[in-house]
Amino acid sequence: MDKFDCVIIGGGMVGAASALSLAQLGLKVAIVEKVKPNSFESEQPYDLRVSAISLSSQHLLEQLDTWQQITQWRSCPYRRLGVWELEPSYTEFTAAEIQQTHLGHIVENRLIQLSLWQQINQHENVQLLCPESLVNFEQTHEQVLVQLSNQTIVTKLLIAADGANSQVRQHANIGTTGWDYQQAAMLINVETDMSQQDITWQHFRSTGPVAMLPMPGNNASLVWYHEKEEVARLSSLPNEQLQTLVMEAFPKKLGKIRIIDKASFPLTRRHANHYQSNRVLLLGDAAHTINPLAGQGVNLGFKDVKALQIIIAKAIGEGKCWHDVNVLSAYEKERRKDNLLMMSAMDMLYSGFSHPSALVKLIRNGGLFMANKLPALKNKALAYACGI
């Protein structure tokens, strides 16, 4: 029976990053995943699932020796972020205001995962178990017995990085609190008349925001929030018909577009009641799912990864038993407050801009207008969102 220091269930972006970050500390790690990511070819169409990778997430990926590969494949830096409801309230955040060259990069999720897997395959401390899946696990005082579909392994620490519907979280009997928003988001990949831009923007409307995320070349990723029924209707339309509606609903600054691909997903908020059950820890979406309004989902997951690495490294450096449950408990103390703060901030933004009251509309647009008059506060909020 194989023994590991850490077993990670889920080989997505957060799971793969946690495997590499712990392997860098000299731990023997196994990562369990059902499906490997497809290889990259430059002529491949852009994936629908993309993330706005913050500066702090970029720094983690650089530390894991994966960022250079991502930029060699394809990514799009953005230096400005525009937000508005009414034109007079237009507020723009810029990298120069926080003394940075850029605010972040728009990157396809699969390419982040693939670059991490390439490093995993080269790391002597990581064993990739794929295709493989979790059946069950049993905790004892000293270890966790993990039953997989094809074998049973033993570990000192079990990490759940298996997403919002985490099987590990369910087996550990960790409940969640949260709710479903009464909207869905539609992802639309388009070709644009305009070449690559350095801005990502979000226009708040009475039916929900619309957003543009720049992609390399004459490409962009659009996000259209609306009621679930309307998103379902829009998703069923032929691309030519949807294209006309996009150009009617989105600001004219988008320019002419041609739809390449589309998909949709419901908006939900879930927060695990605990991040720890003895020798089991929850990371990323297994611990928290957030309104995607500001693209902070995977960035919070990467912050989880970095926090856990620092906590375990500190314990090793001090000669402590790094997998002691009391040492591991520092992870939740470190991350829960920050995750809750970001989740609540996104909810306040979402609720504030969806409220129909004319008074609330006046207040929120006044708030955006005042943000331009209070650069210190504006820049502090921007730096926090960038993770610096």
Protein backbone atom coordinates (compact mmCIF):
# COMPACT_ATOMS: atom_id res chain seq x y z
CA MET A 1 0.00 0.00 0.00
CA ASP A 2 1.55 3.29 -1.14
CA LYS A 3 2.06 5.96 1.50
CA PHE A 4 2.13 9.71 0.92
CA ASP A 5 2.57 12.87 2.95
CA CYS A 6 -0.35 14.46 1.10
CA VAL A 7 -3.06 13.22 -1.26
CA ILE A 8 -4.99 15.79 -3.29
CA ILE A 9 -8.37 14.92 -4.76
CA GLY A 10 -8.86 17.03 -7.89
CA GLY A 11 -6.29 17.97 -10.50
CA GLY A 12 -7.74 21.26 -11.68
CA MET A 13 -5.98 24.60 -11.33
CA VAL A 14 -6.09 24.77 -7.52
CA GLY A 15 -5.41 21.08 -6.94
CA ALA A 16 -2.46 21.00 -9.31
CA ALA A 17 -1.02 24.21 -7.83
CA SER A 18 -1.31 22.82 -4.30
CA ALA A 19 0.47 19.61 -5.38
CA LEU A 20 3.44 21.55 -6.75
CA SER A 21 3.58 24.01 -3.84
CA LEU A 22 3.73 21.19 -1.27
CA ALA A 23 6.18 19.16 -3.36
CA GLN A 24 8.50 22.19 -3.28
CA LEU A 25 8.65 21.71 0.50
CA GLY A 26 9.95 18.16 0.01
CA LEU A 27 6.64 16.42 0.73
CA LYS A 28 5.67 13.25 -1.15
CA VAL A 29 2.40 14.11 -2.91
CA ALA A 30 -0.21 12.18 -4.91
CA ILE A 31 -2.81 13.92 -7.02
CA VAL A 32 -6.01 12.11 -8.00
CA GLU A 33 -7.90 13.11 -11.15
CA LYS A 34 -10.39 11.44 -13.47
CA VAL A 35 -9.49 13.19 -16.72
CA LYS A 36 -6.25 14.72 -17.98
CA PRO A 37 -6.36 18.10 -19.76
CA ASN A 38 -6.13 18.18 -23.55
CA SER A 39 -2.81 19.22 -25.04
CA PHE A 40 -2.30 22.68 -26.52
CA GLU A 41 -2.16 23.51 -30.21
CA SER A 42 -1.83 27.12 -31.33
CA GLU A 43 -4.62 26.78 -33.88
CA GLN A 44 -7.13 25.56 -31.28
CA PRO A 45 -10.14 27.82 -30.71
CA TYR A 46 -10.21 29.69 -27.41
CA ASP A 47 -11.84 27.90 -24.50
CA LEU A 48 -14.96 29.39 -22.96
CA ARG A 49 -13.68 29.04 -19.41
CA VAL A 50 -11.19 31.83 -18.72
CA SER A 51 -9.95 33.54 -15.56
CA ALA A 52 -8.72 37.04 -14.75
CA ILE A 53 -5.42 36.07 -13.13
CA SER A 54 -4.43 38.65 -10.52
CA LEU A 55 -0.90 39.82 -9.78
CA SER A 56 -0.71 37.64 -6.65
CA SER A 57 -1.85 34.58 -8.62
CA GLN A 58 0.74 35.35 -11.29
CA HIS A 59 3.43 35.47 -8.59
CA LEU A 60 2.37 32.02 -7.33
CA LEU A 61 2.46 30.58 -10.86
CA GLU A 62 5.90 32.11 -11.37
CA GLN A 63 7.07 30.45 -8.16
CA LEU A 64 5.74 27.12 -9.49
CA ASP A 65 7.66 27.61 -12.78
CA THR A 66 4.50 27.59 -14.91
CA TRP A 67 3.90 31.24 -15.81
CA GLN A 68 6.48 31.42 -18.58
CA GLN A 69 4.86 28.49 -20.36
CA ILE A 70 1.41 30.09 -20.07
CA THR A 71 2.61 33.33 -21.66
CA GLN A 72 4.37 31.39 -24.42
CA TRP A 73 1.06 29.74 -25.25
CA ARG A 74 -1.44 32.59 -25.05
CA SER A 75 -2.69 35.13 -22.54
CA CYS A 76 -3.84 38.72 -22.61
CA PRO A 77 -2.59 41.35 -20.14
CA TYR A 78 -4.96 44.12 -19.14
CA ARG A 79 -3.90 47.44 -17.65
CA ARG A 80 -7.28 49.09 -17.14
CA LEU A 81 -10.63 48.15 -15.62
CA GLY A 82 -13.72 50.19 -16.48
CA VAL A 83 -16.95 50.09 -14.45
CA TRP A 84 -20.13 52.10 -14.94
CA GLU A 85 -23.91 52.13 -14.95
CA LEU A 86 -24.66 55.64 -16.20
CA GLU A 87 -22.05 57.30 -18.39
CA PRO A 88 -21.31 60.16 -15.91
CA SER A 89 -20.41 57.55 -13.27
CA TYR A 90 -17.80 55.82 -15.45
CA THR A 91 -14.84 54.85 -13.26
CA GLU A 92 -11.58 53.49 -14.56
CA PHE A 93 -8.94 51.70 -12.51
CA THR A 94 -5.44 51.62 -14.00
CA ALA A 95 -2.24 49.74 -13.28
CA ALA A 96 -0.27 52.97 -13.21
CA GLU A 97 -2.32 54.15 -10.21
CA ILE A 98 -0.86 51.32 -8.10
CA GLN A 99 2.61 51.50 -9.68
CA GLN A 100 2.22 48.27 -11.66
CA THR A 101 2.72 47.48 -15.34
CA HIS A 102 -0.61 45.60 -15.52
CA LEU A 103 -3.59 44.60 -13.36
CA GLY A 104 -3.73 40.99 -14.47
CA HIS A 105 -4.03 38.59 -17.40
CA ILE A 106 -6.99 36.87 -19.01
CA VAL A 107 -6.00 33.21 -19.40
CA GLU A 108 -7.89 30.07 -20.42
CA ASN A 109 -8.37 27.79 -17.41
CA ARG A 110 -7.23 24.71 -19.30
CA LEU A 111 -3.88 26.29 -20.15
CA ILE A 112 -3.23 27.10 -16.50
CA GLN A 113 -4.04 23.52 -15.56
CA LEU A 114 -1.97 22.11 -18.43
CA SER A 115 1.11 24.15 -17.53
CA LEU A 116 0.84 22.93 -13.93
CA TRP A 117 0.52 19.32 -15.11
CA GLN A 118 3.66 19.67 -17.20
CA GLN A 119 5.59 20.62 -14.06
CA ILE A 120 3.92 17.85 -12.06
CA ASN A 121 5.05 15.26 -14.62
CA GLN A 122 8.64 16.45 -14.15
CA HIS A 123 8.62 16.61 -10.34
CA GLU A 124 10.03 13.63 -8.49
CA ASN A 125 7.94 14.35 -5.38
CA VAL A 126 4.56 14.20 -7.16
CA GLN A 127 2.77 11.08 -8.38
CA LEU A 128 -0.14 11.69 -10.74
CA LEU A 129 -2.92 9.11 -10.42
CA CYS A 130 -5.05 9.52 -13.55
CA PRO A 131 -7.53 8.21 -14.51
CA GLU A 132 -8.48 7.60 -10.91
CA SER A 133 -11.30 8.67 -8.60
CA LEU A 134 -12.19 8.72 -4.92
CA VAL A 135 -14.48 6.02 -3.53
CA ASN A 136 -14.20 6.71 0.21
CA PHE A 137 -11.76 7.54 2.99
CA GLU A 138 -11.37 6.80 6.69
CA GLN A 139 -9.47 8.92 9.18
CA THR A 140 -7.48 7.59 12.10
CA HIS A 141 -5.48 9.50 14.69
CA GLU A 142 -2.29 9.29 12.61
CA GLN A 143 -3.37 9.04 8.97
CA VAL A 144 -6.10 8.87 6.34
CA LEU A 145 -6.87 5.64 4.49
CA VAL A 146 -7.99 6.66 0.99
CA GLN A 147 -9.93 4.16 -1.13
CA LEU A 148 -9.71 4.91 -4.84
CA SER A 149 -11.40 3.16 -7.74
CA ASN A 150 -8.31 1.05 -8.50
CA GLN A 151 -6.24 1.05 -5.31
CA THR A 152 -6.03 2.08 -1.66
CA ILE A 153 -3.39 4.53 -0.43
CA VAL A 154 -2.44 6.11 2.89
CA THR A 155 -1.69 9.77 3.60
CA LYS A 156 -0.97 12.14 6.47
CA LEU A 157 -3.08 14.90 4.89
CA LEU A 158 -6.02 14.73 2.48
CA ILE A 159 -6.81 17.86 0.47
CA ALA A 160 -10.16 18.45 -1.21
CA ALA A 161 -9.66 20.39 -4.43
CA ASP A 162 -12.52 18.66 -6.22
CA GLY A 163 -14.74 21.65 -6.88
CA ALA A 164 -18.03 23.11 -5.76
CA ASN A 165 -19.75 19.70 -5.49
CA SER A 166 -16.82 18.28 -3.53
CA GLN A 167 -17.11 14.57 -2.85
CA VAL A 168 -14.47 14.87 -0.13
CA ARG A 169 -16.46 17.59 1.64
CA GLN A 170 -19.56 15.40 1.59
CA HIS A 171 -17.71 12.33 2.91
CA ALA A 172 -16.25 14.50 5.69
CA ASN A 173 -19.79 15.61 6.62
CA ILE A 174 -18.91 19.29 6.25
CA GLY A 175 -22.02 21.31 5.49
CA THR A 176 -22.31 24.53 3.52
CA THR A 177 -24.28 27.74 3.73
CA GLY A 178 -25.26 29.82 0.73
CA TRP A 179 -27.89 30.41 -1.89
CA ASP A 180 -28.61 30.42 -5.59
CA TYR A 181 -28.77 33.84 -7.18
CA GLN A 182 -31.80 34.38 -9.37
CA GLN A 183 -29.59 34.84 -12.41
CA ALA A 184 -27.30 32.94 -14.72
CA ALA A 185 -24.23 33.99 -16.68
CA MET A 186 -23.69 33.38 -20.36
CA LEU A 187 -20.15 33.06 -21.68
CA ILE A 188 -19.67 34.09 -25.30
CA ASN A 189 -16.42 33.87 -27.27
CA VAL A 190 -16.32 36.34 -30.14
CA GLU A 191 -14.12 37.65 -32.90
CA THR A 192 -13.94 41.44 -32.82
CA ASP A 193 -13.27 44.17 -35.35
CA MET A 194 -10.90 45.68 -32.80
CA SER A 195 -7.48 44.19 -32.15
CA GLN A 196 -6.39 43.14 -28.65
CA GLN A 197 -7.29 45.75 -26.06
CA ASP A 198 -5.68 46.50 -22.69
CA ILE A 199 -8.96 47.01 -20.83
CA THR A 200 -11.60 44.80 -19.29
CA TRP A 201 -14.93 46.49 -18.58
CA GLN A 202 -18.25 45.88 -16.92
CA HIS A 203 -21.45 47.76 -17.66
CA PHE A 204 -24.19 47.39 -15.04
CA ARG A 205 -27.72 47.26 -16.45
CA SER A 206 -31.15 46.78 -14.88
CA THR A 207 -31.24 43.13 -16.03
CA GLY A 208 -27.70 42.42 -14.85
CA PRO A 209 -24.18 43.40 -15.94
CA VAL A 210 -22.49 42.74 -19.25
CA ALA A 211 -18.72 42.43 -19.37
CA MET A 212 -15.91 42.25 -21.89
CA LEU A 213 -12.66 40.40 -21.21
CA PRO A 214 -9.94 41.01 -23.82
CA MET A 215 -8.24 38.05 -25.49
CA PRO A 216 -5.23 37.92 -27.80
CA GLY A 217 -5.62 39.15 -31.35
CA ASN A 218 -9.11 40.04 -32.55
CA ASN A 219 -10.85 38.06 -29.84
CA ALA A 220 -12.78 38.66 -26.64
CA SER A 221 -14.69 36.77 -23.99
CA LEU A 222 -18.08 38.29 -23.17
CA VAL A 223 -20.13 37.65 -20.03
CA TRP A 224 -23.87 38.39 -20.08
CA TYR A 225 -25.78 38.19 -16.78
CA HIS A 226 -29.55 37.85 -16.93
CA GLU A 227 -32.48 35.96 -15.43
CA LYS A 228 -32.10 32.19 -15.72
CA GLU A 229 -34.99 31.82 -18.15
CA GLU A 230 -33.66 34.56 -20.41
CA VAL A 231 -30.15 33.08 -20.44
CA ALA A 232 -31.65 29.71 -21.37
CA ARG A 233 -33.54 31.35 -24.23
CA LEU A 234 -30.48 33.23 -25.44
CA SER A 235 -28.38 30.07 -25.30
CA SER A 236 -30.82 28.26 -27.57
CA LEU A 237 -30.63 30.86 -30.34
CA PRO A 238 -28.58 30.41 -33.53
CA ASN A 239 -25.29 32.32 -33.37
CA GLU A 240 -26.37 34.78 -36.05
CA GLN A 241 -29.49 35.76 -34.12
CA LEU A 242 -27.66 35.92 -30.79
CA GLN A 243 -25.01 38.09 -32.41
CA THR A 244 -27.60 40.74 -33.23
CA LEU A 245 -28.91 40.73 -29.66
CA VAL A 246 -25.39 41.00 -28.22
CA MET A 247 -24.70 44.10 -30.28
CA GLU A 248 -27.99 45.61 -29.10
CA ALA A 249 -27.38 44.81 -25.40
CA PHE A 250 -23.65 45.55 -25.13
CA PRO A 251 -22.15 49.06 -25.26
CA LYS A 252 -21.18 50.37 -28.68
CA LYS A 253 -17.53 50.41 -27.57
CA LEU A 254 -17.55 46.63 -28.11
CA GLY A 255 -17.68 47.22 -31.87
CA LYS A 256 -18.79 44.62 -34.39
CA ILE A 257 -18.41 41.00 -33.38
CA ARG A 258 -18.89 37.46 -34.67
CA ILE A 259 -19.89 34.73 -32.23
CA ILE A 260 -17.62 31.68 -32.12
CA ASP A 261 -18.91 29.72 -29.12
CA LYS A 262 -21.21 30.05 -26.11
CA ALA A 263 -22.22 28.36 -22.83
CA SER A 264 -24.01 29.27 -19.61
CA PHE A 265 -24.00 28.45 -15.90
CA PRO A 266 -26.14 29.39 -12.87
CA LEU A 267 -24.83 31.82 -10.25
CA THR A 268 -24.45 30.33 -6.78
CA ARG A 269 -22.76 31.13 -3.50
CA ARG A 270 -21.55 28.33 -1.25
CA HIS A 271 -19.30 28.55 1.79
CA ALA A 272 -18.21 25.48 3.74
CA ASN A 273 -19.07 25.61 7.43
CA HIS A 274 -15.51 24.44 8.13
CA TYR A 275 -12.36 24.16 6.01
CA GLN A 276 -10.95 21.37 8.19
CA SER A 277 -12.03 17.99 9.48
CA ASN A 278 -9.01 16.69 11.40
CA ARG A 279 -6.62 15.63 8.59
CA VAL A 280 -8.87 16.79 5.75
CA LEU A 281 -8.61 20.34 4.35
CA LEU A 282 -10.80 22.09 1.76
CA LEU A 283 -9.23 24.37 -0.85
CA GLY A 284 -10.67 26.46 -3.66
CA ASP A 285 -14.23 25.86 -4.81
CA ALA A 286 -14.55 22.91 -2.43
CA ALA A 287 -14.43 25.51 0.37
CA HIS A 288 -16.06 28.53 -1.31
CA THR A 289 -17.83 29.48 -4.52
CA ILE A 290 -18.27 33.18 -5.19
CA ASN A 291 -20.30 35.38 -7.50
CA PRO A 292 -18.05 35.67 -10.60
CA LEU A 293 -18.74 39.41 -10.88
CA ALA A 294 -15.09 40.43 -10.53
CA GLY A 295 -13.44 37.19 -11.61
CA GLN A 296 -12.00 36.47 -8.15
CA GLY A 297 -12.88 32.75 -7.91
CA VAL A 298 -9.62 31.04 -8.86
CA ASN A 299 -7.60 33.89 -7.32
CA LEU A 300 -9.10 33.05 -3.91
CA GLY A 301 -8.23 29.41 -4.52
CA PHE A 302 -4.62 30.31 -5.31
CA LYS A 303 -4.51 32.38 -2.11
CA ASP A 304 -5.62 29.22 -0.26
CA VAL A 305 -2.74 27.32 -1.86
CA LYS A 306 -0.16 29.93 -0.90
CA ALA A 307 -1.44 30.21 2.67
CA LEU A 308 -1.24 26.44 3.20
CA GLN A 309 2.28 26.30 1.77
CA ILE A 310 3.45 29.07 4.13
CA ILE A 311 1.85 27.44 7.18
CA ILE A 312 3.40 24.02 6.49
CA ALA A 313 6.78 25.54 5.61
CA LYS A 314 6.79 27.48 8.89
CA ALA A 315 6.02 24.32 10.88
CA ILE A 316 8.79 22.39 9.13
CA GLY A 317 11.22 25.26 9.70
CA GLU A 318 10.39 25.33 13.41
CA GLY A 319 10.79 21.57 13.77
CA LYS A 320 7.10 20.99 14.47
CA CYS A 321 4.98 18.12 13.22
CA TRP A 322 3.62 19.84 10.10
CA HIS A 323 0.62 17.49 9.80
CA ASP A 324 -0.53 17.88 13.38
CA VAL A 325 -4.21 18.85 13.29
CA ASN A 326 -3.52 21.89 15.48
CA VAL A 327 -0.88 23.13 13.01
CA LEU A 328 -3.26 22.53 10.09
CA SER A 329 -5.98 24.51 11.86
CA ALA A 330 -4.00 27.70 11.17
CA TYR A 331 -4.99 27.36 7.51
CA GLU A 332 -8.68 28.02 8.16
CA LYS A 333 -7.87 30.87 10.55
CA GLU A 334 -5.72 32.43 7.84
CA ARG A 335 -8.11 32.08 4.94
CA ARG A 336 -11.71 32.11 6.16
CA LYS A 337 -11.91 35.82 7.01
CA ASP A 338 -10.36 36.93 3.71
CA ASN A 339 -12.59 34.63 1.64
CA LEU A 340 -15.69 35.80 3.50
CA LEU A 341 -14.71 39.43 3.00
CA MET A 342 -14.37 39.00 -0.77
CA MET A 343 -17.58 36.96 -1.01
CA SER A 344 -19.50 39.61 0.92
CA ALA A 345 -18.01 42.44 -1.14
CA MET A 346 -19.14 40.76 -4.37
CA ASP A 347 -22.61 40.21 -2.90
CA MET A 348 -22.89 43.86 -1.90
CA LEU A 349 -21.81 44.94 -5.38
CA TYR A 350 -24.21 42.52 -7.03
CA SER A 351 -27.15 43.43 -4.78
CA GLY A 352 -26.46 47.16 -4.92
CA PHE A 353 -26.48 47.30 -8.70
CA SER A 354 -29.51 45.03 -9.09
CA HIS A 355 -31.72 47.03 -6.71
CA PRO A 356 -34.55 48.77 -8.65
CA SER A 357 -34.94 51.75 -6.30
CA ALA A 358 -34.24 55.12 -7.94
CA LEU A 359 -32.66 56.30 -4.67
CA VAL A 360 -30.32 53.30 -4.55
CA LYS A 361 -29.46 53.90 -8.21
CA LEU A 362 -28.56 57.50 -7.39
CA ILE A 363 -26.40 56.41 -4.43
CA ARG A 364 -24.50 53.71 -6.32
CA ASN A 365 -23.74 55.96 -9.30
CA GLY A 366 -22.75 58.71 -6.89
CA GLY A 367 -20.42 56.23 -5.22
CA LEU A 368 -18.72 55.42 -8.51
CA PHE A 369 -18.43 59.12 -9.31
CA MET A 370 -16.90 59.82 -5.90
CA ALA A 371 -14.38 57.00 -6.37
CA ASN A 372 -12.71 59.17 -8.97
CA LYS A 373 -12.50 61.98 -6.40
CA LEU A 374 -10.94 59.74 -3.72
CA PRO A 375 -7.90 58.17 -5.38
CA ALA A 376 -6.36 56.86 -2.15
CA LEU A 377 -9.44 54.76 -1.33
CA LYS A 378 -9.87 53.72 -4.95
CA ASN A 379 -6.26 52.57 -5.24
CA LYS A 380 -6.40 50.68 -1.94
CA ALA A 381 -9.44 48.72 -3.16
CA LEU A 382 -7.68 48.03 -6.47
CA ALA A 383 -4.49 46.82 -4.78
CA TYR A 384 -6.53 44.48 -2.55
CA ALA A 385 -8.35 43.02 -5.59
CA CYS A 386 -4.97 42.46 -7.28
CA GLY A 387 -3.69 40.70 -4.16
CA ILE A 388 -0.82 43.08 -3.48
